[in-house]
Amino acid sequence: MSQERCWASPGGGRYFPLVGPEDSQGQVFIMRGVEGPGAGPPLHRHTREDETFVVLEGKVEFTV
């Protein structure tokens, strides 16, 4: 999957797809995201998917 495709989040972050369903027999979607302080995805839930985060720098706060 090409990293040339990317999209912006509502908070101004940038997301780059790394592995898509077409690359993994529909099993995973992996992306790299870069968000600024206080930004990130809006509150949401998944009913059929797992979601995992790896934080490389800084800190993150989650609501569960």
PDB file of N, CA and C in Angstrom:
ATOM      1  N   MET A   1       0.851  -1.177   0.000  1.00  0.00           N
ATOM      2  CA  MET A   1       0.000   0.000   0.000  1.00  0.00           C
ATOM      3  C   MET A   1       0.891   1.232   0.000  1.00  0.00           C
ATOM      4  N   SER A   2       0.586   2.168  -0.796  1.00  0.00           N
ATOM      5  CA  SER A   2       1.414   3.351  -0.957  1.00  0.00           C
ATOM      6  C   SER A   2       1.216   4.345   0.173  1.00  0.00           C
ATOM      7  N   GLN A   3       2.319   4.873   0.686  1.00  0.00           N
ATOM      8  CA  GLN A   3       2.237   5.931   1.689  1.00  0.00           C
ATOM      9  C   GLN A   3       1.952   7.277   1.034  1.00  0.00           C
ATOM     10  N   GLU A   4       1.953   7.317  -0.292  1.00  0.00           N
ATOM     11  CA  GLU A   4       1.665   8.574  -0.973  1.00  0.00           C
ATOM     12  C   GLU A   4       0.244   9.031  -0.683  1.00  0.00           C
ATOM     13  N   ARG A   5      -0.667   8.074  -0.463  1.00  0.00           N
ATOM     14  CA  ARG A   5      -2.029   8.436  -0.092  1.00  0.00           C
ATOM     15  C   ARG A   5      -2.018   8.808   1.384  1.00  0.00           C
ATOM     16  N   CYS A   6      -2.600   9.896   1.726  1.00  0.00           N
ATOM     17  CA  CYS A   6      -2.741  10.265   3.126  1.00  0.00           C
ATOM     18  C   CYS A   6      -3.969  11.139   3.265  1.00  0.00           C
ATOM     19  N   TRP A   7      -4.427  11.308   4.479  1.00  0.00           N
ATOM     20  CA  TRP A   7      -5.556  12.176   4.707  1.00  0.00           C
ATOM     21  C   TRP A   7      -5.367  12.930   6.003  1.00  0.00           C
ATOM     22  N   ALA A   8      -6.071  14.025   6.130  1.00  0.00           N
ATOM     23  CA  ALA A   8      -5.974  14.886   7.311  1.00  0.00           C
ATOM     24  C   ALA A   8      -7.138  14.585   8.247  1.00  0.00           C
ATOM     25  N   SER A   9      -6.861  14.648   9.544  1.00  0.00           N
ATOM     26  CA  SER A   9      -7.908  14.465  10.540  1.00  0.00           C
ATOM     27  C   SER A   9      -8.565  15.809  10.830  1.00  0.00           C
ATOM     28  N   PRO A  10      -9.727  15.794  11.499  1.00  0.00           N
ATOM     29  CA  PRO A  10     -10.372  17.064  11.855  1.00  0.00           C
ATOM     30  C   PRO A  10      -9.480  17.958  12.724  1.00  0.00           C
ATOM     31  N   GLY A  11      -8.597  17.346  13.514  1.00  0.00           N
ATOM     32  CA  GLY A  11      -7.706  18.122  14.374  1.00  0.00           C
ATOM     33  C   GLY A  11      -6.440  18.588  13.678  1.00  0.00           C
ATOM     34  N   GLY A  12      -6.305  18.289  12.387  1.00  0.00           N
ATOM     35  CA  GLY A  12      -5.139  18.734  11.634  1.00  0.00           C
ATOM     36  C   GLY A  12      -4.017  17.722  11.534  1.00  0.00           C
ATOM     37  N   GLY A  13      -4.215  16.536  12.094  1.00  0.00           N
ATOM     38  CA  GLY A  13      -3.200  15.483  11.991  1.00  0.00           C
ATOM     39  C   GLY A  13      -3.162  14.905  10.589  1.00  0.00           C
ATOM     40  N   ARG A  14      -2.155  14.074  10.350  1.00  0.00           N
ATOM     41  CA  ARG A  14      -2.015  13.421   9.053  1.00  0.00           C
ATOM     42  C   ARG A  14      -1.923  11.921   9.267  1.00  0.00           C
ATOM     43  N   TYR A  15      -2.605  11.169   8.410  1.00  0.00           N
ATOM     44  CA  TYR A  15      -2.639   9.709   8.499  1.00  0.00           C
ATOM     45  C   TYR A  15      -2.178   9.099   7.188  1.00  0.00           C
ATOM     46  N   PHE A  16      -1.323   8.094   7.317  1.00  0.00           N
ATOM     47  CA  PHE A  16      -0.727   7.436   6.164  1.00  0.00           C
ATOM     48  C   PHE A  16      -1.020   5.938   6.247  1.00  0.00           C
ATOM     49  N   PRO A  17      -1.740   5.367   5.294  1.00  0.00           N
ATOM     50  CA  PRO A  17      -1.990   3.925   5.317  1.00  0.00           C
ATOM     51  C   PRO A  17      -0.709   3.151   5.032  1.00  0.00           C
ATOM     52  N   LEU A  18      -0.488   2.077   5.805  1.00  0.00           N
ATOM     53  CA  LEU A  18       0.702   1.240   5.625  1.00  0.00           C
ATOM     54  C   LEU A  18       0.338  -0.142   5.088  1.00  0.00           C
ATOM     55  N   VAL A  19      -0.668  -0.776   5.670  1.00  0.00           N
ATOM     56  CA  VAL A  19      -1.141  -2.087   5.222  1.00  0.00           C
ATOM     57  C   VAL A  19      -2.655  -2.021   5.165  1.00  0.00           C
ATOM     58  N   GLY A  20      -3.222  -2.361   4.044  1.00  0.00           N
ATOM     59  CA  GLY A  20      -4.671  -2.314   3.890  1.00  0.00           C
ATOM     60  C   GLY A  20      -5.275  -3.693   3.779  1.00  0.00           C
ATOM     61  N   PRO A  21      -6.590  -3.770   3.842  1.00  0.00           N
ATOM     62  CA  PRO A  21      -7.272  -5.053   3.722  1.00  0.00           C
ATOM     63  C   PRO A  21      -6.902  -5.796   2.443  1.00  0.00           C
ATOM     64  N   GLU A  22      -6.674  -5.056   1.374  1.00  0.00           N
ATOM     65  CA  GLU A  22      -6.307  -5.709   0.108  1.00  0.00           C
ATOM     66  C   GLU A  22      -4.922  -6.346   0.167  1.00  0.00           C
ATOM     67  N   ASP A  23      -4.104  -5.918   1.135  1.00  0.00           N
ATOM     68  CA  ASP A  23      -2.754  -6.473   1.300  1.00  0.00           C
ATOM     69  C   ASP A  23      -2.714  -7.595   2.327  1.00  0.00           C
ATOM     70  N   SER A  24      -3.824  -7.834   3.034  1.00  0.00           N
ATOM     71  CA  SER A  24      -3.798  -8.779   4.154  1.00  0.00           C
ATOM     72  C   SER A  24      -5.006  -9.711   4.158  1.00  0.00           C
ATOM     73  N   GLN A  25      -5.556  -9.979   3.012  1.00  0.00           N
ATOM     74  CA  GLN A  25      -6.737 -10.837   2.885  1.00  0.00           C
ATOM     75  C   GLN A  25      -7.872 -10.348   3.781  1.00  0.00           C
ATOM     76  N   GLY A  26      -8.015  -9.028   3.888  1.00  0.00           N
ATOM     77  CA  GLY A  26      -9.094  -8.430   4.658  1.00  0.00           C
ATOM     78  C   GLY A  26      -8.941  -8.497   6.161  1.00  0.00           C
ATOM     79  N   GLN A  27      -7.744  -8.834   6.644  1.00  0.00           N
ATOM     80  CA  GLN A  27      -7.574  -9.054   8.074  1.00  0.00           C
ATOM     81  C   GLN A  27      -7.196  -7.810   8.873  1.00  0.00           C
ATOM     82  N   VAL A  28      -6.411  -6.906   8.295  1.00  0.00           N
ATOM     83  CA  VAL A  28      -5.938  -5.762   9.076  1.00  0.00           C
ATOM     84  C   VAL A  28      -5.911  -4.490   8.228  1.00  0.00           C
ATOM     85  N   PHE A  29      -5.915  -3.378   8.927  1.00  0.00           N
ATOM     86  CA  PHE A  29      -5.638  -2.074   8.334  1.00  0.00           C
ATOM     87  C   PHE A  29      -4.681  -1.391   9.298  1.00  0.00           C
ATOM     88  N   ILE A  30      -3.501  -1.064   8.837  1.00  0.00           N
ATOM     89  CA  ILE A  30      -2.487  -0.433   9.685  1.00  0.00           C
ATOM     90  C   ILE A  30      -2.147   0.916   9.081  1.00  0.00           C
ATOM     91  N   MET A  31      -2.128   1.934   9.934  1.00  0.00           N
ATOM     92  CA  MET A  31      -1.783   3.271   9.456  1.00  0.00           C
ATOM     93  C   MET A  31      -0.855   3.944  10.453  1.00  0.00           C
ATOM     94  N   ARG A  32      -0.129   4.920   9.954  1.00  0.00           N
ATOM     95  CA  ARG A  32       0.722   5.765  10.795  1.00  0.00           C
ATOM     96  C   ARG A  32       0.034   7.111  10.883  1.00  0.00           C
ATOM     97  N   GLY A  33      -0.120   7.596  12.102  1.00  0.00           N
ATOM     98  CA  GLY A  33      -0.773   8.881  12.304  1.00  0.00           C
ATOM     99  C   GLY A  33       0.101   9.822  13.104  1.00  0.00           C
ATOM    100  N   VAL A  34       0.041  11.080  12.757  1.00  0.00           N
ATOM    101  CA  VAL A  34       0.780  12.116  13.479  1.00  0.00           C
ATOM    102  C   VAL A  34      -0.234  13.180  13.878  1.00  0.00           C
ATOM    103  N   GLU A  35      -0.384  13.389  15.190  1.00  0.00           N
ATOM    104  CA  GLU A  35      -1.340  14.369  15.704  1.00  0.00           C
ATOM    105  C   GLU A  35      -0.618  15.343  16.613  1.00  0.00           C
ATOM    106  N   GLY A  36      -1.094  16.556  16.660  1.00  0.00           N
ATOM    107  CA  GLY A  36      -0.537  17.566  17.539  1.00  0.00           C
ATOM    108  C   GLY A  36      -1.133  17.470  18.936  1.00  0.00           C
ATOM    109  N   PRO A  37      -0.624  18.259  19.867  1.00  0.00           N
ATOM    110  CA  PRO A  37      -1.132  18.259  21.240  1.00  0.00           C
ATOM    111  C   PRO A  37      -2.634  18.562  21.283  1.00  0.00           C
ATOM    112  N   GLY A  38      -3.352  17.776  22.070  1.00  0.00           N
ATOM    113  CA  GLY A  38      -4.779  17.978  22.250  1.00  0.00           C
ATOM    114  C   GLY A  38      -5.642  17.492  21.109  1.00  0.00           C
ATOM    115  N   ALA A  39      -5.053  16.929  20.085  1.00  0.00           N
ATOM    116  CA  ALA A  39      -5.801  16.459  18.915  1.00  0.00           C
ATOM    117  C   ALA A  39      -5.915  14.944  18.936  1.00  0.00           C
ATOM    118  N   GLY A  40      -6.624  14.407  18.018  1.00  0.00           N
ATOM    119  CA  GLY A  40      -6.777  12.962  17.883  1.00  0.00           C
ATOM    120  C   GLY A  40      -8.145  12.624  17.356  1.00  0.00           C
ATOM    121  N   PRO A  41      -8.422  11.339  17.239  1.00  0.00           N
ATOM    122  CA  PRO A  41      -9.727  10.953  16.700  1.00  0.00           C
ATOM    123  C   PRO A  41     -10.853  11.352  17.656  1.00  0.00           C
ATOM    124  N   PRO A  42     -12.041  11.611  17.123  1.00  0.00           N
ATOM    125  CA  PRO A  42     -13.180  11.921  17.984  1.00  0.00           C
ATOM    126  C   PRO A  42     -13.621  10.667  18.739  1.00  0.00           C
ATOM    127  N   LEU A  43     -14.388  10.847  19.783  1.00  0.00           N
ATOM    128  CA  LEU A  43     -14.936   9.691  20.492  1.00  0.00           C
ATOM    129  C   LEU A  43     -15.697   8.830  19.506  1.00  0.00           C
ATOM    130  N   HIS A  44     -15.434   7.542  19.536  1.00  0.00           N
ATOM    131  CA  HIS A  44     -16.113   6.610  18.645  1.00  0.00           C
ATOM    132  C   HIS A  44     -16.023   5.212  19.243  1.00  0.00           C
ATOM    133  N   ARG A  45     -16.706   4.265  18.643  1.00  0.00           N
ATOM    134  CA  ARG A  45     -16.621   2.888  19.092  1.00  0.00           C
ATOM    135  C   ARG A  45     -16.595   1.965  17.891  1.00  0.00           C
ATOM    136  N   HIS A  46     -16.067   0.794  18.133  1.00  0.00           N
ATOM    137  CA  HIS A  46     -16.041  -0.260  17.118  1.00  0.00           C
ATOM    138  C   HIS A  46     -16.864  -1.424  17.640  1.00  0.00           C
ATOM    139  N   THR A  47     -17.742  -1.944  16.824  1.00  0.00           N
ATOM    140  CA  THR A  47     -18.566  -3.076  17.255  1.00  0.00           C
ATOM    141  C   THR A  47     -18.039  -4.412  16.738  1.00  0.00           C
ATOM    142  N   ARG A  48     -17.174  -4.382  15.722  1.00  0.00           N
ATOM    143  CA  ARG A  48     -16.656  -5.631  15.155  1.00  0.00           C
ATOM    144  C   ARG A  48     -15.142  -5.645  15.030  1.00  0.00           C
ATOM    145  N   GLU A  49     -14.479  -4.549  15.322  1.00  0.00           N
ATOM    146  CA  GLU A  49     -13.050  -4.449  15.086  1.00  0.00           C
ATOM    147  C   GLU A  49     -12.309  -4.204  16.398  1.00  0.00           C
ATOM    148  N   ASP A  50     -11.075  -4.644  16.444  1.00  0.00           N
ATOM    149  CA  ASP A  50     -10.160  -4.287  17.522  1.00  0.00           C
ATOM    150  C   ASP A  50      -9.365  -3.080  17.061  1.00  0.00           C
ATOM    151  N   GLU A  51      -8.909  -2.281  18.021  1.00  0.00           N
ATOM    152  CA  GLU A  51      -8.090  -1.121  17.688  1.00  0.00           C
ATOM    153  C   GLU A  51      -6.896  -1.105  18.632  1.00  0.00           C
ATOM    154  N   THR A  52      -5.717  -0.924  18.078  1.00  0.00           N
ATOM    155  CA  THR A  52      -4.479  -0.920  18.853  1.00  0.00           C
ATOM    156  C   THR A  52      -3.693   0.327  18.514  1.00  0.00           C
ATOM    157  N   PHE A  53      -3.082   0.930  19.520  1.00  0.00           N
ATOM    158  CA  PHE A  53      -2.248   2.108  19.321  1.00  0.00           C
ATOM    159  C   PHE A  53      -0.839   1.806  19.817  1.00  0.00           C
ATOM    160  N   VAL A  54       0.149   2.302  19.121  1.00  0.00           N
ATOM    161  CA  VAL A  54       1.540   2.294  19.565  1.00  0.00           C
ATOM    162  C   VAL A  54       1.986   3.746  19.559  1.00  0.00           C
ATOM    163  N   VAL A  55       2.317   4.275  20.738  1.00  0.00           N
ATOM    164  CA  VAL A  55       2.699   5.671  20.865  1.00  0.00           C
ATOM    165  C   VAL A  55       4.220   5.734  20.843  1.00  0.00           C
ATOM    166  N   LEU A  56       4.785   6.410  19.863  1.00  0.00           N
ATOM    167  CA  LEU A  56       6.236   6.483  19.712  1.00  0.00           C
ATOM    168  C   LEU A  56       6.835   7.699  20.407  1.00  0.00           C
ATOM    169  N   GLU A  57       6.028   8.722  20.594  1.00  0.00           N
ATOM    170  CA  GLU A  57       6.545   9.945  21.200  1.00  0.00           C
ATOM    171  C   GLU A  57       5.380  10.686  21.848  1.00  0.00           C
ATOM    172  N   GLY A  58       5.620  11.265  23.018  1.00  0.00           N
ATOM    173  CA  GLY A  58       4.581  12.022  23.692  1.00  0.00           C
ATOM    174  C   GLY A  58       3.726  11.133  24.559  1.00  0.00           C
ATOM    175  N   LYS A  59       2.514  11.582  24.838  1.00  0.00           N
ATOM    176  CA  LYS A  59       1.596  10.791  25.649  1.00  0.00           C
ATOM    177  C   LYS A  59       0.205  10.919  25.070  1.00  0.00           C
ATOM    178  N   VAL A  60      -0.658   9.985  25.461  1.00  0.00           N
ATOM    179  CA  VAL A  60      -2.007   9.956  24.932  1.00  0.00           C
ATOM    180  C   VAL A  60      -2.968   9.642  26.063  1.00  0.00           C
ATOM    181  N   GLU A  61      -4.177  10.167  25.963  1.00  0.00           N
ATOM    182  CA  GLU A  61      -5.223   9.896  26.942  1.00  0.00           C
ATOM    183  C   GLU A  61      -6.393   9.244  26.221  1.00  0.00           C
ATOM    184  N   PHE A  62      -6.884   8.145  26.780  1.00  0.00           N
ATOM    185  CA  PHE A  62      -7.998   7.412  26.184  1.00  0.00           C
ATOM    186  C   PHE A  62      -9.210   7.455  27.087  1.00  0.00           C
ATOM    187  N   THR A  63     -10.402   7.457  26.525  1.00  0.00           N
ATOM    188  CA  THR A  63     -11.647   7.276  27.233  1.00  0.00           C
ATOM    189  C   THR A  63     -12.182   5.912  26.838  1.00  0.00           C
ATOM    190  N   VAL A  64     -12.398   5.066  27.832  1.00  0.00           N
ATOM    191  CA  VAL A  64     -12.861   3.702  27.550  1.00  0.00           C
ATOM    192  C   VAL A  64     -14.234   3.512  28.144  1.00  0.00           C
TER     193      VAL A  64
END
